[in-house]
Amino acid sequence: MEVTPPHRRATALLGVCLLSACAPKIETASPPGYQGPIIDTHAHIRLGDDDAASPAHSKGTAELLNLDKAAGVTRSALIVMARKGQLERMRVENNAVISAAAESQGHFYPVVSVHPADGAAALAELERVARGGAKVVKLHPNTQSFDVSDPEVATVVQKCGELGLVVLFDSYKPWDPGEMGKLLLLSLQQPKTSFVLAHMGFSQFREVVTFSLVQKLGMGGNVWFDISAITTTYVDSPLEAELVWTLRKIDIRRVLFGSDWPVDTPAVAVDAVRRLGLTAEEQQRVFHDNAAELLGL
């Protein structure tokens, strides 16, 4: 048997290495992402100088409409938030988003608001906006300064269920560590009302797996989660994999896309979701199908 001298073996190995280095790289294509229509379930409109929405952005819908078109967003929420005791302003702002939606040729849909502390006036306003075509009511424990466990909150949420209105709750209150537990209890006490928990608990997102647990016990099933703000915060972070695991654990069919405009632009929010590594089918659920089914859009 002929033995190849060591120097020749080394030369041969070097040649293989050089050939490998010079050979064209064959890259494995990543699975194609969802490229269809997108529904943004969480975008605010600035109507006046003292709105909570950022004063750095223009009033009205023109700026958001242009950003939506650039990002592939075909339907978008327009959110307002009622202030306690300001009943006429509440009606004016609700009318404004209902009218803006009607004038947008189907691009926008209204997310109206009442303040739970306004009692009978809030309930009457819910009846009025439901007749006007509203589908979603925004309640914000932080901005509106109420506690989720307050009895008047339950009264408003129950009324929403009777009228077929979905309740969009902001679900992160830094100074109330019991916020998610209160929302869970409220959703169980009001099983005929559909809830969307905005920002999915944000930095407390681990707690949302409890909602999937109670479903195993035969309860719940009336809660969805929008991932506005939380996705742009945690994408490319050490917690990204855990966030994706949580989305799948609670069921990707209960996850809704949101930009939280003007906090983030639609394009930034869309890009963050695309970078999570969801499958094309999961992206379609998050970007479009879940909201279309829940809200009848």
Protein backbone atom coordinates (compact mmCIF):
# COMPACT_ATOMS: atom_id res chain seq x y z
CA MET A 1 0.00 0.00 0.00
CA GLU A 2 1.40 3.36 -1.03
CA VAL A 3 1.53 5.95 1.72
CA THR A 4 1.12 9.61 0.74
CA PRO A 5 3.96 11.71 2.16
CA PRO A 6 2.86 14.17 4.87
CA HIS A 7 3.74 17.24 2.81
CA ARG A 8 1.52 16.02 -0.04
CA ARG A 9 -1.37 15.34 2.31
CA ALA A 10 -1.03 18.85 3.69
CA THR A 11 -1.00 20.30 0.17
CA ALA A 12 -4.11 18.36 -0.77
CA LEU A 13 -5.96 19.52 2.35
CA LEU A 14 -4.93 23.09 1.68
CA GLY A 15 -6.26 22.78 -1.84
CA VAL A 16 -9.61 21.57 -0.59
CA CYS A 17 -9.79 24.48 1.85
CA LEU A 18 -8.96 26.98 -0.87
CA LEU A 19 -11.54 25.49 -3.19
CA SER A 20 -14.15 25.69 -0.43
CA ALA A 21 -13.28 29.30 0.30
CA CYS A 22 -13.50 30.24 -3.35
CA ALA A 23 -16.68 28.31 -4.06
CA PRO A 24 -19.88 30.38 -4.25
CA LYS A 25 -21.81 30.45 -0.99
CA ILE A 26 -25.19 28.74 -1.14
CA GLU A 27 -27.45 30.45 1.36
CA THR A 28 -30.57 28.78 2.66
CA ALA A 29 -33.56 30.98 2.01
CA SER A 30 -35.62 31.83 5.06
CA PRO A 31 -39.32 30.95 4.90
CA PRO A 32 -41.28 33.67 3.07
CA GLY A 33 -43.12 36.00 5.40
CA TYR A 34 -46.75 36.99 5.13
CA GLN A 35 -47.21 39.68 2.48
CA GLY A 36 -50.97 40.27 2.62
CA PRO A 37 -53.12 43.03 4.13
CA ILE A 38 -52.37 44.18 7.69
CA ILE A 39 -54.80 45.36 10.37
CA ASP A 40 -53.41 47.71 13.03
CA THR A 41 -55.56 47.32 16.14
CA HIS A 42 -53.82 49.98 18.22
CA ALA A 43 -53.28 53.48 16.82
CA HIS A 44 -54.22 56.81 18.40
CA ILE A 45 -55.53 59.95 16.76
CA ARG A 46 -54.60 63.44 17.91
CA LEU A 47 -57.64 65.70 17.83
CA GLY A 48 -56.54 68.66 19.98
CA ASP A 49 -53.57 70.38 21.54
CA ASP A 50 -54.12 68.75 24.92
CA ASP A 51 -54.52 65.18 23.64
CA ALA A 52 -52.48 62.47 25.31
CA ALA A 53 -51.12 61.55 21.89
CA SER A 54 -47.71 63.07 21.19
CA PRO A 55 -47.81 66.81 20.34
CA ALA A 56 -44.91 66.19 17.99
CA HIS A 57 -47.34 64.67 15.50
CA SER A 58 -49.98 66.37 13.42
CA LYS A 59 -53.68 66.37 14.18
CA GLY A 60 -56.09 64.32 12.15
CA THR A 61 -55.55 61.20 10.07
CA ALA A 62 -53.47 62.33 7.08
CA GLU A 63 -50.05 61.53 8.59
CA LEU A 64 -51.14 58.12 9.86
CA LEU A 65 -52.79 57.26 6.54
CA ASN A 66 -49.54 57.91 4.66
CA LEU A 67 -47.53 55.85 7.16
CA ASP A 68 -50.04 53.02 6.93
CA LYS A 69 -49.78 52.88 3.15
CA ALA A 70 -45.98 52.77 3.34
CA ALA A 71 -46.10 49.90 5.87
CA GLY A 72 -48.76 47.82 4.12
CA VAL A 73 -51.44 48.53 6.72
CA THR A 74 -54.86 48.35 5.07
CA ARG A 75 -57.10 48.83 8.14
CA SER A 76 -56.31 50.79 11.28
CA ALA A 77 -57.90 51.68 14.59
CA LEU A 78 -58.44 55.29 15.61
CA ILE A 79 -58.35 55.47 19.42
CA VAL A 80 -59.61 58.22 21.71
CA MET A 81 -59.77 58.21 25.51
CA ALA A 82 -62.51 59.85 27.56
CA ARG A 83 -61.78 62.05 30.53
CA LYS A 84 -63.73 61.82 33.78
CA GLY A 85 -66.63 64.25 33.99
CA GLN A 86 -66.07 65.74 30.52
CA LEU A 87 -69.22 64.33 28.98
CA GLU A 88 -69.62 66.72 26.06
CA ARG A 89 -65.99 66.30 25.08
CA MET A 90 -66.43 62.52 25.29
CA ARG A 91 -69.29 62.68 22.80
CA VAL A 92 -67.44 65.05 20.49
CA GLU A 93 -64.33 62.86 20.36
CA ASN A 94 -66.33 59.69 19.85
CA ASN A 95 -68.22 61.38 17.03
CA ALA A 96 -64.90 62.49 15.53
CA VAL A 97 -63.47 58.98 15.23
CA ILE A 98 -66.76 57.54 13.99
CA SER A 99 -66.89 60.25 11.30
CA ALA A 100 -63.21 59.88 10.38
CA ALA A 101 -63.70 56.16 9.96
CA ALA A 102 -66.77 56.67 7.78
CA GLU A 103 -64.89 59.15 5.58
CA SER A 104 -61.83 56.91 5.15
CA GLN A 105 -63.47 54.51 2.71
CA GLY A 106 -62.93 51.58 5.00
CA HIS A 107 -59.34 52.26 6.03
CA PHE A 108 -60.01 53.33 9.63
CA TYR A 109 -62.38 51.94 12.22
CA PRO A 110 -63.36 53.82 15.41
CA VAL A 111 -62.24 52.90 18.92
CA VAL A 112 -64.42 55.03 21.16
CA SER A 113 -64.15 55.58 24.90
CA VAL A 114 -66.10 56.32 28.06
CA HIS A 115 -64.98 56.86 31.63
CA PRO A 116 -66.26 54.22 34.06
CA ALA A 117 -66.70 56.82 36.82
CA ASP A 118 -69.29 58.67 34.72
CA GLY A 119 -71.91 56.10 35.67
CA ALA A 120 -75.22 56.27 33.83
CA ALA A 121 -73.85 58.82 31.35
CA ALA A 122 -71.12 56.37 30.34
CA LEU A 123 -73.68 53.59 29.82
CA ALA A 124 -75.88 55.87 27.73
CA GLU A 125 -72.88 56.83 25.61
CA LEU A 126 -72.08 53.16 25.00
CA GLU A 127 -75.59 52.65 23.68
CA ARG A 128 -75.26 55.69 21.44
CA VAL A 129 -71.89 54.76 19.91
CA ALA A 130 -73.02 51.16 19.37
CA ARG A 131 -75.94 52.50 17.31
CA GLY A 132 -73.38 54.62 15.44
CA GLY A 133 -71.41 51.58 14.33
CA ALA A 134 -68.59 51.44 16.88
CA LYS A 135 -67.13 47.99 17.58
CA VAL A 136 -64.41 48.69 20.19
CA VAL A 137 -64.24 50.70 23.43
CA LYS A 138 -60.92 51.82 24.90
CA LEU A 139 -60.41 51.83 28.69
CA HIS A 140 -57.05 52.92 30.10
CA PRO A 141 -56.48 52.46 33.86
CA ASN A 142 -53.40 54.73 33.76
CA THR A 143 -54.54 57.66 31.65
CA GLN A 144 -58.08 57.56 33.00
CA SER A 145 -56.92 56.98 36.60
CA PHE A 146 -59.17 54.13 37.69
CA ASP A 147 -58.62 50.73 39.25
CA VAL A 148 -59.64 47.68 37.24
CA SER A 149 -61.30 46.19 40.33
CA ASP A 150 -63.64 49.19 40.79
CA PRO A 151 -67.33 48.12 40.59
CA GLU A 152 -68.14 50.77 37.98
CA VAL A 153 -65.54 49.22 35.65
CA ALA A 154 -67.37 45.90 35.82
CA THR A 155 -70.64 47.70 35.06
CA VAL A 156 -69.19 49.29 31.92
CA VAL A 157 -67.59 46.05 30.79
CA GLN A 158 -70.85 44.15 31.28
CA LYS A 159 -72.70 46.76 29.22
CA CYS A 160 -70.14 46.41 26.45
CA GLY A 161 -70.80 42.69 26.35
CA GLU A 162 -74.55 43.25 26.11
CA LEU A 163 -74.01 45.63 23.19
CA GLY A 164 -71.48 43.44 21.40
CA LEU A 165 -68.63 45.92 21.96
CA VAL A 166 -65.08 44.62 22.39
CA VAL A 167 -63.18 46.23 25.28
CA LEU A 168 -59.57 47.27 24.59
CA PHE A 169 -57.83 47.52 27.96
CA ASP A 170 -54.37 48.91 28.51
CA SER A 171 -52.83 46.06 30.52
CA TYR A 172 -49.68 47.53 32.04
CA LYS A 173 -49.72 49.65 35.18
CA PRO A 174 -46.20 49.94 36.67
CA TRP A 175 -47.46 50.99 40.11
CA ASP A 176 -50.04 48.18 40.37
CA PRO A 177 -48.37 44.75 40.42
CA GLY A 178 -51.81 43.15 40.61
CA GLU A 179 -53.06 44.60 37.32
CA MET A 180 -52.94 41.38 35.28
CA GLY A 181 -54.63 39.41 38.04
CA LYS A 182 -57.43 41.96 38.21
CA LEU A 183 -57.93 41.80 34.45
CA LEU A 184 -58.01 38.01 34.58
CA LEU A 185 -60.64 38.08 37.33
CA LEU A 186 -62.71 40.68 35.46
CA SER A 187 -62.64 38.62 32.27
CA LEU A 188 -63.84 35.57 34.20
CA GLN A 189 -66.60 37.56 35.90
CA GLN A 190 -67.75 38.97 32.53
CA PRO A 191 -67.64 35.93 30.21
CA LYS A 192 -69.99 37.49 27.65
CA THR A 193 -67.59 40.38 26.96
CA SER A 194 -64.62 40.10 24.61
CA PHE A 195 -61.40 41.65 25.95
CA VAL A 196 -58.24 42.78 24.15
CA LEU A 197 -55.34 43.40 26.53
CA ALA A 198 -53.08 45.97 24.94
CA HIS A 199 -49.30 45.51 25.16
CA MET A 200 -49.80 41.96 26.52
CA GLY A 201 -48.77 43.03 30.01
CA PHE A 202 -45.56 44.61 28.67
CA SER A 203 -42.76 43.82 31.16
CA GLN A 204 -45.15 41.50 33.01
CA PHE A 205 -45.90 39.41 29.92
CA ARG A 206 -44.98 36.16 31.68
CA GLU A 207 -48.21 36.45 33.64
CA VAL A 208 -50.42 36.09 30.57
CA VAL A 209 -49.83 32.33 30.44
CA THR A 210 -52.32 32.17 33.32
CA PHE A 211 -55.06 32.98 30.80
CA SER A 212 -54.22 29.83 28.85
CA LEU A 213 -54.14 27.82 32.06
CA VAL A 214 -57.68 28.79 33.09
CA GLN A 215 -58.93 27.69 29.68
CA LYS A 216 -57.70 24.18 30.49
CA LEU A 217 -60.01 24.37 33.49
CA GLY A 218 -62.94 25.17 31.24
CA MET A 219 -63.07 28.91 31.90
CA GLY A 220 -62.12 32.04 30.01
CA GLY A 221 -61.58 32.06 26.27
CA ASN A 222 -62.82 35.64 25.86
CA VAL A 223 -59.42 37.39 25.94
CA TRP A 224 -57.10 38.44 23.11
CA PHE A 225 -53.74 40.26 23.35
CA ASP A 226 -52.37 43.05 21.21
CA ILE A 227 -48.58 43.17 20.97
CA SER A 228 -48.12 46.89 20.41
CA ALA A 229 -45.08 48.37 22.20
CA ILE A 230 -43.97 45.04 23.65
CA THR A 231 -42.73 43.67 20.30
CA THR A 232 -40.64 46.70 19.42
CA THR A 233 -39.21 46.66 22.94
CA TYR A 234 -38.16 43.01 23.12
CA VAL A 235 -37.26 42.10 19.54
CA ASP A 236 -33.51 41.33 19.28
CA SER A 237 -33.29 41.25 23.08
CA PRO A 238 -32.35 38.33 25.37
CA LEU A 239 -36.08 37.93 26.11
CA GLU A 240 -37.20 37.64 22.49
CA ALA A 241 -37.31 33.82 22.49
CA GLU A 242 -39.37 33.82 25.69
CA LEU A 243 -41.77 36.35 24.20
CA VAL A 244 -42.29 34.17 21.11
CA TRP A 245 -42.74 31.10 23.33
CA THR A 246 -45.39 32.99 25.30
CA LEU A 247 -47.24 34.04 22.13
CA ARG A 248 -47.47 30.42 21.10
CA LYS A 249 -48.36 29.25 24.60
CA ILE A 250 -51.39 31.53 24.83
CA ASP A 251 -52.33 30.55 21.24
CA ILE A 252 -51.19 32.60 18.27
CA ARG A 253 -54.86 32.86 17.27
CA ARG A 254 -55.35 35.26 20.19
CA VAL A 255 -52.57 37.66 19.21
CA LEU A 256 -53.25 40.95 17.40
CA PHE A 257 -50.85 43.34 15.69
CA GLY A 258 -50.73 46.93 16.90
CA SER A 259 -48.35 49.83 16.28
CA ASP A 260 -49.27 52.07 19.23
CA TRP A 261 -48.87 55.04 16.92
CA PRO A 262 -47.54 57.64 17.65
CA VAL A 263 -45.28 55.78 20.12
CA ASP A 264 -44.01 53.68 17.19
CA THR A 265 -44.66 54.06 13.49
CA PRO A 266 -46.55 51.31 11.67
CA ALA A 267 -43.42 50.41 9.68
CA VAL A 268 -41.27 50.00 12.79
CA ALA A 269 -43.93 47.84 14.46
CA VAL A 270 -44.43 45.68 11.35
CA ASP A 271 -40.69 45.14 11.00
CA ALA A 272 -40.39 44.11 14.65
CA VAL A 273 -43.05 41.42 14.24
CA ARG A 274 -41.40 40.13 11.07
CA ARG A 275 -38.09 39.75 12.93
CA LEU A 276 -39.58 37.54 15.66
CA GLY A 277 -39.16 34.45 13.50
CA LEU A 278 -42.85 33.55 13.30
CA THR A 279 -43.92 31.35 10.42
CA ALA A 280 -45.77 32.87 7.48
CA GLU A 281 -49.00 31.29 8.75
CA GLU A 282 -48.45 32.73 12.23
CA GLN A 283 -47.72 36.17 10.77
CA GLN A 284 -50.93 36.05 8.77
CA ARG A 285 -52.84 35.29 11.96
CA VAL A 286 -51.19 38.13 13.88
CA PHE A 287 -51.20 40.72 11.09
CA HIS A 288 -54.68 40.10 9.75
CA ASP A 289 -56.87 37.07 10.37
CA ASN A 290 -57.30 37.29 14.14
CA ALA A 291 -58.45 40.91 14.08
CA ALA A 292 -60.64 40.33 11.04
CA GLU A 293 -62.43 37.50 12.82
CA LEU A 294 -62.73 39.18 16.22
CA LEU A 295 -63.86 42.57 14.95
CA GLY A 296 -65.67 41.51 11.80
CA LEU A 297 -63.45 43.72 9.64
